[in-house]
Amino acid sequence: MAGWYAARTMRRSTKLVIATALLAVLLVAAVPVALFAGLIMVLLGHVAGGLALIGASILAAAAAVVIASLSGVRHLRRLVTEQGSRVVRLGRGEYDYE
């Protein structure tokens, strides 16, 4: 029971991966709002500011997605190497095709 509980607790790196994934989702969701706000700014005459807002929102969202994916892959590799890979190859007769 103690081993099972210890395996379920989140470490600091797990919390960091979750936080970066949430940040990436929030920034990607904010891109359409920034595009709309940038378009309004361009229509009101603030062309440079509107284009800067659009570009910065896209760059921030892309950077957050890249950071979240890289930290997630690194965390996943660490988990696999710590616990050992338990990959078992199945034979042709062991698949269920129903």
PDB file of N, CA and C in Angstrom:
ATOM      1  N   MET A   1       0.821  -1.192   0.000  1.00  0.00           N
ATOM      2  CA  MET A   1       0.000   0.000   0.000  1.00  0.00           C
ATOM      3  C   MET A   1       0.863   1.253   0.000  1.00  0.00           C
ATOM      4  N   ALA A   2       1.949   1.233   0.750  1.00  0.00           N
ATOM      5  CA  ALA A   2       2.807   2.414   0.821  1.00  0.00           C
ATOM      6  C   ALA A   2       3.470   2.683  -0.521  1.00  0.00           C
ATOM      7  N   GLY A   3       3.864   1.652  -1.241  1.00  0.00           N
ATOM      8  CA  GLY A   3       4.462   1.830  -2.556  1.00  0.00           C
ATOM      9  C   GLY A   3       3.481   2.384  -3.563  1.00  0.00           C
ATOM     10  N   TRP A   4       2.236   1.943  -3.458  1.00  0.00           N
ATOM     11  CA  TRP A   4       1.203   2.439  -4.362  1.00  0.00           C
ATOM     12  C   TRP A   4       0.942   3.913  -4.112  1.00  0.00           C
ATOM     13  N   TYR A   5       0.889   4.309  -2.853  1.00  0.00           N
ATOM     14  CA  TYR A   5       0.647   5.709  -2.514  1.00  0.00           C
ATOM     15  C   TYR A   5       1.823   6.576  -2.945  1.00  0.00           C
ATOM     16  N   ALA A   6       3.022   6.096  -2.772  1.00  0.00           N
ATOM     17  CA  ALA A   6       4.197   6.869  -3.166  1.00  0.00           C
ATOM     18  C   ALA A   6       4.241   7.048  -4.678  1.00  0.00           C
ATOM     19  N   ALA A   7       3.763   6.076  -5.419  1.00  0.00           N
ATOM     20  CA  ALA A   7       3.757   6.184  -6.874  1.00  0.00           C
ATOM     21  C   ALA A   7       2.715   7.180  -7.353  1.00  0.00           C
ATOM     22  N   ARG A   8       1.674   7.409  -6.571  1.00  0.00           N
ATOM     23  CA  ARG A   8       0.609   8.308  -6.993  1.00  0.00           C
ATOM     24  C   ARG A   8       0.841   9.761  -6.628  1.00  0.00           C
ATOM     25  N   THR A   9       1.761  10.055  -5.737  1.00  0.00           N
ATOM     26  CA  THR A   9       1.998  11.438  -5.362  1.00  0.00           C
ATOM     27  C   THR A   9       2.728  12.153  -6.493  1.00  0.00           C
ATOM     28  N   MET A  10       2.399  13.420  -6.683  1.00  0.00           N
ATOM     29  CA  MET A  10       3.022  14.181  -7.759  1.00  0.00           C
ATOM     30  C   MET A  10       4.317  14.814  -7.271  1.00  0.00           C
ATOM     31  N   ARG A  11       5.332  14.661  -8.075  1.00  0.00           N
ATOM     32  CA  ARG A  11       6.610  15.289  -7.779  1.00  0.00           C
ATOM     33  C   ARG A  11       6.605  16.710  -8.317  1.00  0.00           C
ATOM     34  N   ARG A  12       7.670  17.409  -8.016  1.00  0.00           N
ATOM     35  CA  ARG A  12       7.780  18.794  -8.475  1.00  0.00           C
ATOM     36  C   ARG A  12       7.810  18.869 -10.001  1.00  0.00           C
ATOM     37  N   SER A  13       8.499  17.927 -10.655  1.00  0.00           N
ATOM     38  CA  SER A  13       8.572  17.945 -12.114  1.00  0.00           C
ATOM     39  C   SER A  13       7.211  17.661 -12.744  1.00  0.00           C
ATOM     40  N   THR A  14       6.410  16.824 -12.100  1.00  0.00           N
ATOM     41  CA  THR A  14       5.069  16.553 -12.614  1.00  0.00           C
ATOM     42  C   THR A  14       4.210  17.801 -12.537  1.00  0.00           C
ATOM     43  N   LYS A  15       4.298  18.504 -11.439  1.00  0.00           N
ATOM     44  CA  LYS A  15       3.540  19.742 -11.291  1.00  0.00           C
ATOM     45  C   LYS A  15       4.005  20.788 -12.303  1.00  0.00           C
ATOM     46  N   LEU A  16       5.296  20.814 -12.590  1.00  0.00           N
ATOM     47  CA  LEU A  16       5.825  21.753 -13.569  1.00  0.00           C
ATOM     48  C   LEU A  16       5.305  21.430 -14.972  1.00  0.00           C
ATOM     49  N   VAL A  17       5.247  20.159 -15.322  1.00  0.00           N
ATOM     50  CA  VAL A  17       4.725  19.756 -16.627  1.00  0.00           C
ATOM     51  C   VAL A  17       3.252  20.141 -16.746  1.00  0.00           C
ATOM     52  N   ILE A  18       2.474  19.920 -15.696  1.00  0.00           N
ATOM     53  CA  ILE A  18       1.063  20.281 -15.719  1.00  0.00           C
ATOM     54  C   ILE A  18       0.902  21.796 -15.846  1.00  0.00           C
ATOM     55  N   ALA A  19       1.727  22.543 -15.123  1.00  0.00           N
ATOM     56  CA  ALA A  19       1.641  24.009 -15.192  1.00  0.00           C
ATOM     57  C   ALA A  19       2.000  24.529 -16.582  1.00  0.00           C
ATOM     58  N   THR A  20       3.040  23.976 -17.200  1.00  0.00           N
ATOM     59  CA  THR A  20       3.411  24.434 -18.538  1.00  0.00           C
ATOM     60  C   THR A  20       2.360  24.046 -19.563  1.00  0.00           C
ATOM     61  N   ALA A  21       1.743  22.890 -19.398  1.00  0.00           N
ATOM     62  CA  ALA A  21       0.675  22.496 -20.320  1.00  0.00           C
ATOM     63  C   ALA A  21      -0.534  23.419 -20.174  1.00  0.00           C
ATOM     64  N   LEU A  22      -0.892  23.760 -18.949  1.00  0.00           N
ATOM     65  CA  LEU A  22      -2.007  24.692 -18.745  1.00  0.00           C
ATOM     66  C   LEU A  22      -1.688  26.073 -19.301  1.00  0.00           C
ATOM     67  N   LEU A  23      -0.460  26.535 -19.121  1.00  0.00           N
ATOM     68  CA  LEU A  23      -0.061  27.820 -19.680  1.00  0.00           C
ATOM     69  C   LEU A  23      -0.133  27.795 -21.203  1.00  0.00           C
ATOM     70  N   ALA A  24       0.306  26.705 -21.803  1.00  0.00           N
ATOM     71  CA  ALA A  24       0.243  26.587 -23.258  1.00  0.00           C
ATOM     72  C   ALA A  24      -1.197  26.600 -23.751  1.00  0.00           C
ATOM     73  N   VAL A  25      -2.076  25.893 -23.059  1.00  0.00           N
ATOM     74  CA  VAL A  25      -3.486  25.875 -23.464  1.00  0.00           C
ATOM     75  C   VAL A  25      -4.098  27.260 -23.328  1.00  0.00           C
ATOM     76  N   LEU A  26      -3.806  27.958 -22.240  1.00  0.00           N
ATOM     77  CA  LEU A  26      -4.346  29.298 -22.047  1.00  0.00           C
ATOM     78  C   LEU A  26      -3.831  30.286 -23.100  1.00  0.00           C
ATOM     79  N   LEU A  27      -2.546  30.197 -23.423  1.00  0.00           N
ATOM     80  CA  LEU A  27      -2.002  31.107 -24.426  1.00  0.00           C
ATOM     81  C   LEU A  27      -2.529  30.803 -25.822  1.00  0.00           C
ATOM     82  N   VAL A  28      -2.721  29.544 -26.135  1.00  0.00           N
ATOM     83  CA  VAL A  28      -3.301  29.191 -27.435  1.00  0.00           C
ATOM     84  C   VAL A  28      -4.753  29.647 -27.510  1.00  0.00           C
ATOM     85  N   ALA A  29      -5.474  29.528 -26.401  1.00  0.00           N
ATOM     86  CA  ALA A  29      -6.867  29.983 -26.381  1.00  0.00           C
ATOM     87  C   ALA A  29      -6.953  31.505 -26.455  1.00  0.00           C
ATOM     88  N   ALA A  30      -5.921  32.215 -26.027  1.00  0.00           N
ATOM     89  CA  ALA A  30      -5.940  33.676 -26.056  1.00  0.00           C
ATOM     90  C   ALA A  30      -5.562  34.250 -27.419  1.00  0.00           C
ATOM     91  N   VAL A  31      -5.056  33.436 -28.326  1.00  0.00           N
ATOM     92  CA  VAL A  31      -4.645  33.936 -29.644  1.00  0.00           C
ATOM     93  C   VAL A  31      -5.810  34.539 -30.418  1.00  0.00           C
ATOM     94  N   PRO A  32      -6.981  33.906 -30.501  1.00  0.00           N
ATOM     95  CA  PRO A  32      -8.083  34.553 -31.235  1.00  0.00           C
ATOM     96  C   PRO A  32      -8.507  35.896 -30.627  1.00  0.00           C
ATOM     97  N   VAL A  33      -8.463  35.995 -29.309  1.00  0.00           N
ATOM     98  CA  VAL A  33      -8.803  37.262 -28.659  1.00  0.00           C
ATOM     99  C   VAL A  33      -7.773  38.328 -29.027  1.00  0.00           C
ATOM    100  N   ALA A  34      -6.503  37.967 -29.032  1.00  0.00           N
ATOM    101  CA  ALA A  34      -5.450  38.911 -29.402  1.00  0.00           C
ATOM    102  C   ALA A  34      -5.552  39.294 -30.876  1.00  0.00           C
ATOM    103  N   LEU A  35      -5.922  38.333 -31.722  1.00  0.00           N
ATOM    104  CA  LEU A  35      -6.114  38.658 -33.137  1.00  0.00           C
ATOM    105  C   LEU A  35      -7.242  39.665 -33.320  1.00  0.00           C
ATOM    106  N   PHE A  36      -8.334  39.478 -32.610  1.00  0.00           N
ATOM    107  CA  PHE A  36      -9.462  40.399 -32.696  1.00  0.00           C
ATOM    108  C   PHE A  36      -9.076  41.778 -32.160  1.00  0.00           C
ATOM    109  N   ALA A  37      -8.376  41.798 -31.028  1.00  0.00           N
ATOM    110  CA  ALA A  37      -7.944  43.075 -30.451  1.00  0.00           C
ATOM    111  C   ALA A  37      -6.948  43.773 -31.379  1.00  0.00           C
ATOM    112  N   GLY A  38      -6.059  43.018 -31.989  1.00  0.00           N
ATOM    113  CA  GLY A  38      -5.112  43.602 -32.945  1.00  0.00           C
ATOM    114  C   GLY A  38      -5.805  44.147 -34.173  1.00  0.00           C
ATOM    115  N   LEU A  39      -6.814  43.447 -34.641  1.00  0.00           N
ATOM    116  CA  LEU A  39      -7.580  43.920 -35.790  1.00  0.00           C
ATOM    117  C   LEU A  39      -8.307  45.224 -35.461  1.00  0.00           C
ATOM    118  N   ILE A  40      -8.875  45.300 -34.277  1.00  0.00           N
ATOM    119  CA  ILE A  40      -9.548  46.530 -33.857  1.00  0.00           C
ATOM    120  C   ILE A  40      -8.535  47.676 -33.774  1.00  0.00           C
ATOM    121  N   MET A  41      -7.343  47.379 -33.238  1.00  0.00           N
ATOM    122  CA  MET A  41      -6.316  48.421 -33.154  1.00  0.00           C
ATOM    123  C   MET A  41      -5.888  48.897 -34.534  1.00  0.00           C
ATOM    124  N   VAL A  42      -5.746  47.968 -35.484  1.00  0.00           N
ATOM    125  CA  VAL A  42      -5.358  48.339 -36.838  1.00  0.00           C
ATOM    126  C   VAL A  42      -6.457  49.191 -37.477  1.00  0.00           C
ATOM    127  N   LEU A  43      -7.703  48.815 -37.272  1.00  0.00           N
ATOM    128  CA  LEU A  43      -8.807  49.586 -37.845  1.00  0.00           C
ATOM    129  C   LEU A  43      -8.907  50.980 -37.240  1.00  0.00           C
ATOM    130  N   LEU A  44      -8.487  51.130 -35.996  1.00  0.00           N
ATOM    131  CA  LEU A  44      -8.527  52.438 -35.341  1.00  0.00           C
ATOM    132  C   LEU A  44      -7.280  53.282 -35.641  1.00  0.00           C
ATOM    133  N   GLY A  45      -6.347  52.744 -36.392  1.00  0.00           N
ATOM    134  CA  GLY A  45      -5.195  53.515 -36.814  1.00  0.00           C
ATOM    135  C   GLY A  45      -3.895  53.173 -36.129  1.00  0.00           C
ATOM    136  N   HIS A  46      -3.897  52.308 -35.158  1.00  0.00           N
ATOM    137  CA  HIS A  46      -2.666  51.918 -34.463  1.00  0.00           C
ATOM    138  C   HIS A  46      -2.101  50.655 -35.116  1.00  0.00           C
ATOM    139  N   VAL A  47      -1.594  50.834 -36.331  1.00  0.00           N
ATOM    140  CA  VAL A  47      -1.165  49.692 -37.140  1.00  0.00           C
ATOM    141  C   VAL A  47       0.014  48.964 -36.510  1.00  0.00           C
ATOM    142  N   ALA A  48       1.020  49.676 -36.108  1.00  0.00           N
ATOM    143  CA  ALA A  48       2.209  49.032 -35.542  1.00  0.00           C
ATOM    144  C   ALA A  48       1.876  48.296 -34.251  1.00  0.00           C
ATOM    145  N   GLY A  49       1.075  48.926 -33.400  1.00  0.00           N
ATOM    146  CA  GLY A  49       0.683  48.274 -32.144  1.00  0.00           C
ATOM    147  C   GLY A  49      -0.172  47.048 -32.380  1.00  0.00           C
ATOM    148  N   GLY A  50      -1.094  47.119 -33.345  1.00  0.00           N
ATOM    149  CA  GLY A  50      -1.947  45.972 -33.655  1.00  0.00           C
ATOM    150  C   GLY A  50      -1.158  44.804 -34.206  1.00  0.00           C
ATOM    151  N   LEU A  51      -0.244  45.103 -35.113  1.00  0.00           N
ATOM    152  CA  LEU A  51       0.583  44.032 -35.677  1.00  0.00           C
ATOM    153  C   LEU A  51       1.517  43.446 -34.627  1.00  0.00           C
ATOM    154  N   ALA A  52       2.031  44.287 -33.741  1.00  0.00           N
ATOM    155  CA  ALA A  52       2.889  43.793 -32.665  1.00  0.00           C
ATOM    156  C   ALA A  52       2.107  42.889 -31.719  1.00  0.00           C
ATOM    157  N   LEU A  53       0.866  43.260 -31.419  1.00  0.00           N
ATOM    158  CA  LEU A  53       0.033  42.435 -30.551  1.00  0.00           C
ATOM    159  C   LEU A  53      -0.253  41.077 -31.182  1.00  0.00           C
ATOM    160  N   ILE A  54      -0.575  41.083 -32.461  1.00  0.00           N
ATOM    161  CA  ILE A  54      -0.852  39.827 -33.163  1.00  0.00           C
ATOM    162  C   ILE A  54       0.402  38.944 -33.197  1.00  0.00           C
ATOM    163  N   GLY A  55       1.523  39.516 -33.574  1.00  0.00           N
ATOM    164  CA  GLY A  55       2.764  38.749 -33.654  1.00  0.00           C
ATOM    165  C   GLY A  55       3.228  38.226 -32.302  1.00  0.00           C
ATOM    166  N   ALA A  56       3.120  39.063 -31.294  1.00  0.00           N
ATOM    167  CA  ALA A  56       3.559  38.643 -29.958  1.00  0.00           C
ATOM    168  C   ALA A  56       2.680  37.533 -29.408  1.00  0.00           C
ATOM    169  N   SER A  57       1.382  37.597 -29.660  1.00  0.00           N
ATOM    170  CA  SER A  57       0.501  36.543 -29.151  1.00  0.00           C
ATOM    171  C   SER A  57       0.787  35.211 -29.832  1.00  0.00           C
ATOM    172  N   ILE A  58       1.036  35.246 -31.112  1.00  0.00           N
ATOM    173  CA  ILE A  58       1.335  34.002 -31.837  1.00  0.00           C
ATOM    174  C   ILE A  58       2.684  33.433 -31.388  1.00  0.00           C
ATOM    175  N   LEU A  59       3.683  34.307 -31.237  1.00  0.00           N
ATOM    176  CA  LEU A  59       4.995  33.827 -30.783  1.00  0.00           C
ATOM    177  C   LEU A  59       4.940  33.280 -29.361  1.00  0.00           C
ATOM    178  N   ALA A  60       4.207  33.939 -28.481  1.00  0.00           N
ATOM    179  CA  ALA A  60       4.096  33.466 -27.093  1.00  0.00           C
ATOM    180  C   ALA A  60       3.394  32.115 -27.031  1.00  0.00           C
ATOM    181  N   ALA A  61       2.327  31.955 -27.811  1.00  0.00           N
ATOM    182  CA  ALA A  61       1.609  30.678 -27.817  1.00  0.00           C
ATOM    183  C   ALA A  61       2.486  29.561 -28.386  1.00  0.00           C
ATOM    184  N   ALA A  62       3.199  29.851 -29.460  1.00  0.00           N
ATOM    185  CA  ALA A  62       4.068  28.832 -30.058  1.00  0.00           C
ATOM    186  C   ALA A  62       5.194  28.443 -29.100  1.00  0.00           C
ATOM    187  N   ALA A  63       5.782  29.430 -28.433  1.00  0.00           N
ATOM    188  CA  ALA A  63       6.854  29.135 -27.481  1.00  0.00           C
ATOM    189  C   ALA A  63       6.334  28.306 -26.310  1.00  0.00           C
ATOM    190  N   ALA A  64       5.145  28.626 -25.826  1.00  0.00           N
ATOM    191  CA  ALA A  64       4.583  27.868 -24.704  1.00  0.00           C
ATOM    192  C   ALA A  64       4.298  26.425 -25.103  1.00  0.00           C
ATOM    193  N   VAL A  65       3.801  26.224 -26.315  1.00  0.00           N
ATOM    194  CA  VAL A  65       3.526  24.862 -26.777  1.00  0.00           C
ATOM    195  C   VAL A  65       4.824  24.070 -26.919  1.00  0.00           C
ATOM    196  N   VAL A  66       5.858  24.688 -27.451  1.00  0.00           N
ATOM    197  CA  VAL A  66       7.145  23.996 -27.603  1.00  0.00           C
ATOM    198  C   VAL A  66       7.739  23.645 -26.242  1.00  0.00           C
ATOM    199  N   ILE A  67       7.703  24.583 -25.311  1.00  0.00           N
ATOM    200  CA  ILE A  67       8.256  24.321 -23.971  1.00  0.00           C
ATOM    201  C   ILE A  67       7.471  23.219 -23.268  1.00  0.00           C
ATOM    202  N   ALA A  68       6.139  23.270 -23.373  1.00  0.00           N
ATOM    203  CA  ALA A  68       5.313  22.241 -22.727  1.00  0.00           C
ATOM    204  C   ALA A  68       5.565  20.868 -23.335  1.00  0.00           C
ATOM    205  N   SER A  69       5.694  20.805 -24.639  1.00  0.00           N
ATOM    206  CA  SER A  69       5.915  19.497 -25.263  1.00  0.00           C
ATOM    207  C   SER A  69       7.294  18.944 -24.927  1.00  0.00           C
ATOM    208  N   LEU A  70       8.299  19.797 -24.926  1.00  0.00           N
ATOM    209  CA  LEU A  70       9.642  19.314 -24.592  1.00  0.00           C
ATOM    210  C   LEU A  70       9.735  18.864 -23.139  1.00  0.00           C
ATOM    211  N   SER A  71       9.133  19.618 -22.227  1.00  0.00           N
ATOM    212  CA  SER A  71       9.194  19.199 -20.825  1.00  0.00           C
ATOM    213  C   SER A  71       8.360  17.946 -20.589  1.00  0.00           C
ATOM    214  N   GLY A  72       7.265  17.799 -21.321  1.00  0.00           N
ATOM    215  CA  GLY A  72       6.464  16.581 -21.192  1.00  0.00           C
ATOM    216  C   GLY A  72       7.185  15.354 -21.693  1.00  0.00           C
ATOM    217  N   VAL A  73       7.862  15.485 -22.811  1.00  0.00           N
ATOM    218  CA  VAL A  73       8.628  14.359 -23.353  1.00  0.00           C
ATOM    219  C   VAL A  73       9.774  13.990 -22.419  1.00  0.00           C
ATOM    220  N   ARG A  74      10.446  14.999 -21.877  1.00  0.00           N
ATOM    221  CA  ARG A  74      11.552  14.732 -20.941  1.00  0.00           C
ATOM    222  C   ARG A  74      11.043  14.034 -19.682  1.00  0.00           C
ATOM    223  N   HIS A  75       9.885  14.496 -19.192  1.00  0.00           N
ATOM    224  CA  HIS A  75       9.298  13.881 -17.995  1.00  0.00           C
ATOM    225  C   HIS A  75       8.875  12.435 -18.281  1.00  0.00           C
ATOM    226  N   LEU A  76       8.302  12.207 -19.450  1.00  0.00           N
ATOM    227  CA  LEU A  76       7.878  10.858 -19.819  1.00  0.00           C
ATOM    228  C   LEU A  76       9.074   9.922 -19.945  1.00  0.00           C
ATOM    229  N   ARG A  77      10.153  10.387 -20.533  1.00  0.00           N
ATOM    230  CA  ARG A  77      11.360   9.558 -20.645  1.00  0.00           C
ATOM    231  C   ARG A  77      11.933   9.230 -19.281  1.00  0.00           C
ATOM    232  N   ARG A  78      11.890  10.197 -18.370  1.00  0.00           N
ATOM    233  CA  ARG A  78      12.394   9.953 -17.023  1.00  0.00           C
ATOM    234  C   ARG A  78      11.540   8.915 -16.310  1.00  0.00           C
ATOM    235  N   LEU A  79      10.227   8.987 -16.486  1.00  0.00           N
ATOM    236  CA  LEU A  79       9.355   8.009 -15.851  1.00  0.00           C
ATOM    237  C   LEU A  79       9.600   6.608 -16.382  1.00  0.00           C
ATOM    238  N   VAL A  80       9.808   6.492 -17.678  1.00  0.00           N
ATOM    239  CA  VAL A  80      10.026   5.173 -18.278  1.00  0.00           C
ATOM    240  C   VAL A  80      11.349   4.592 -17.812  1.00  0.00           C
ATOM    241  N   THR A  81      12.394   5.412 -17.713  1.00  0.00           N
ATOM    242  CA  THR A  81      13.690   4.868 -17.305  1.00  0.00           C
ATOM    243  C   THR A  81      13.718   4.550 -15.813  1.00  0.00           C
ATOM    244  N   GLU A  82      12.977   5.294 -14.995  1.00  0.00           N
ATOM    245  CA  GLU A  82      12.949   5.001 -13.561  1.00  0.00           C
ATOM    246  C   GLU A  82      12.235   3.695 -13.274  1.00  0.00           C
ATOM    247  N   GLN A  83      11.100   3.482 -13.901  1.00  0.00           N
ATOM    248  CA  GLN A  83      10.295   2.307 -13.610  1.00  0.00           C
ATOM    249  C   GLN A  83      10.670   1.117 -14.473  1.00  0.00           C
ATOM    250  N   GLY A  84      11.513   1.331 -15.435  1.00  0.00           N
ATOM    251  CA  GLY A  84      11.874   0.254 -16.338  1.00  0.00           C
ATOM    252  C   GLY A  84      10.784   0.078 -17.384  1.00  0.00           C
ATOM    253  N   SER A  85      11.173  -0.217 -18.574  1.00  0.00           N
ATOM    254  CA  SER A  85      10.166  -0.368 -19.614  1.00  0.00           C
ATOM    255  C   SER A  85       9.577  -1.768 -19.537  1.00  0.00           C
ATOM    256  N   ARG A  86       8.294  -1.822 -19.393  1.00  0.00           N
ATOM    257  CA  ARG A  86       7.594  -3.102 -19.285  1.00  0.00           C
ATOM    258  C   ARG A  86       6.849  -3.401 -20.580  1.00  0.00           C
ATOM    259  N   VAL A  87       7.529  -3.281 -21.684  1.00  0.00           N
ATOM    260  CA  VAL A  87       6.919  -3.512 -22.976  1.00  0.00           C
ATOM    261  C   VAL A  87       7.017  -4.990 -23.301  1.00  0.00           C
ATOM    262  N   VAL A  88       5.900  -5.587 -23.628  1.00  0.00           N
ATOM    263  CA  VAL A  88       5.853  -7.001 -23.949  1.00  0.00           C
ATOM    264  C   VAL A  88       5.350  -7.134 -25.374  1.00  0.00           C
ATOM    265  N   ARG A  89       6.080  -7.874 -26.182  1.00  0.00           N
ATOM    266  CA  ARG A  89       5.634  -8.108 -27.554  1.00  0.00           C
ATOM    267  C   ARG A  89       4.657  -9.277 -27.568  1.00  0.00           C
ATOM    268  N   LEU A  90       3.535  -9.044 -28.228  1.00  0.00           N
ATOM    269  CA  LEU A  90       2.518 -10.093 -28.332  1.00  0.00           C
ATOM    270  C   LEU A  90       2.728 -10.863 -29.620  1.00  0.00           C
ATOM    271  N   GLY A  91       2.387 -12.135 -29.552  1.00  0.00           N
ATOM    272  CA  GLY A  91       2.422 -12.960 -30.739  1.00  0.00           C
ATOM    273  C   GLY A  91       1.180 -12.714 -31.591  1.00  0.00           C
ATOM    274  N   ARG A  92       1.167 -13.288 -32.796  1.00  0.00           N
ATOM    275  CA  ARG A  92       0.033 -13.063 -33.692  1.00  0.00           C
ATOM    276  C   ARG A  92      -1.273 -13.589 -33.108  1.00  0.00           C
ATOM    277  N   GLY A  93      -1.233 -14.663 -32.367  1.00  0.00           N
ATOM    278  CA  GLY A  93      -2.446 -15.257 -31.810  1.00  0.00           C
ATOM    279  C   GLY A  93      -2.952 -14.560 -30.557  1.00  0.00           C
ATOM    280  N   GLU A  94      -2.184 -13.612 -30.033  1.00  0.00           N
ATOM    281  CA  GLU A  94      -2.579 -12.970 -28.769  1.00  0.00           C
ATOM    282  C   GLU A  94      -3.364 -11.679 -28.967  1.00  0.00           C
ATOM    283  N   TYR A  95      -3.571 -11.250 -30.213  1.00  0.00           N
ATOM    284  CA  TYR A  95      -4.369 -10.056 -30.478  1.00  0.00           C
ATOM    285  C   TYR A  95      -5.838 -10.428 -30.539  1.00  0.00           C
ATOM    286  N   ASP A  96      -6.683  -9.530 -30.130  1.00  0.00           N
ATOM    287  CA  ASP A  96      -8.127  -9.756 -30.164  1.00  0.00           C
ATOM    288  C   ASP A  96      -8.710  -8.899 -31.282  1.00  0.00           C
ATOM    289  N   TYR A  97      -9.199  -9.522 -32.335  1.00  0.00           N
ATOM    290  CA  TYR A  97      -9.700  -8.786 -33.496  1.00  0.00           C
ATOM    291  C   TYR A  97     -11.220  -8.722 -33.554  1.00  0.00           C
ATOM    292  N   GLU A  98     -11.913  -8.913 -32.475  1.00  0.00           N
ATOM    293  CA  GLU A  98     -13.382  -8.938 -32.523  1.00  0.00           C
ATOM    294  C   GLU A  98     -13.964  -7.599 -32.773  1.00  0.00           C
TER     295      GLU A  98
END
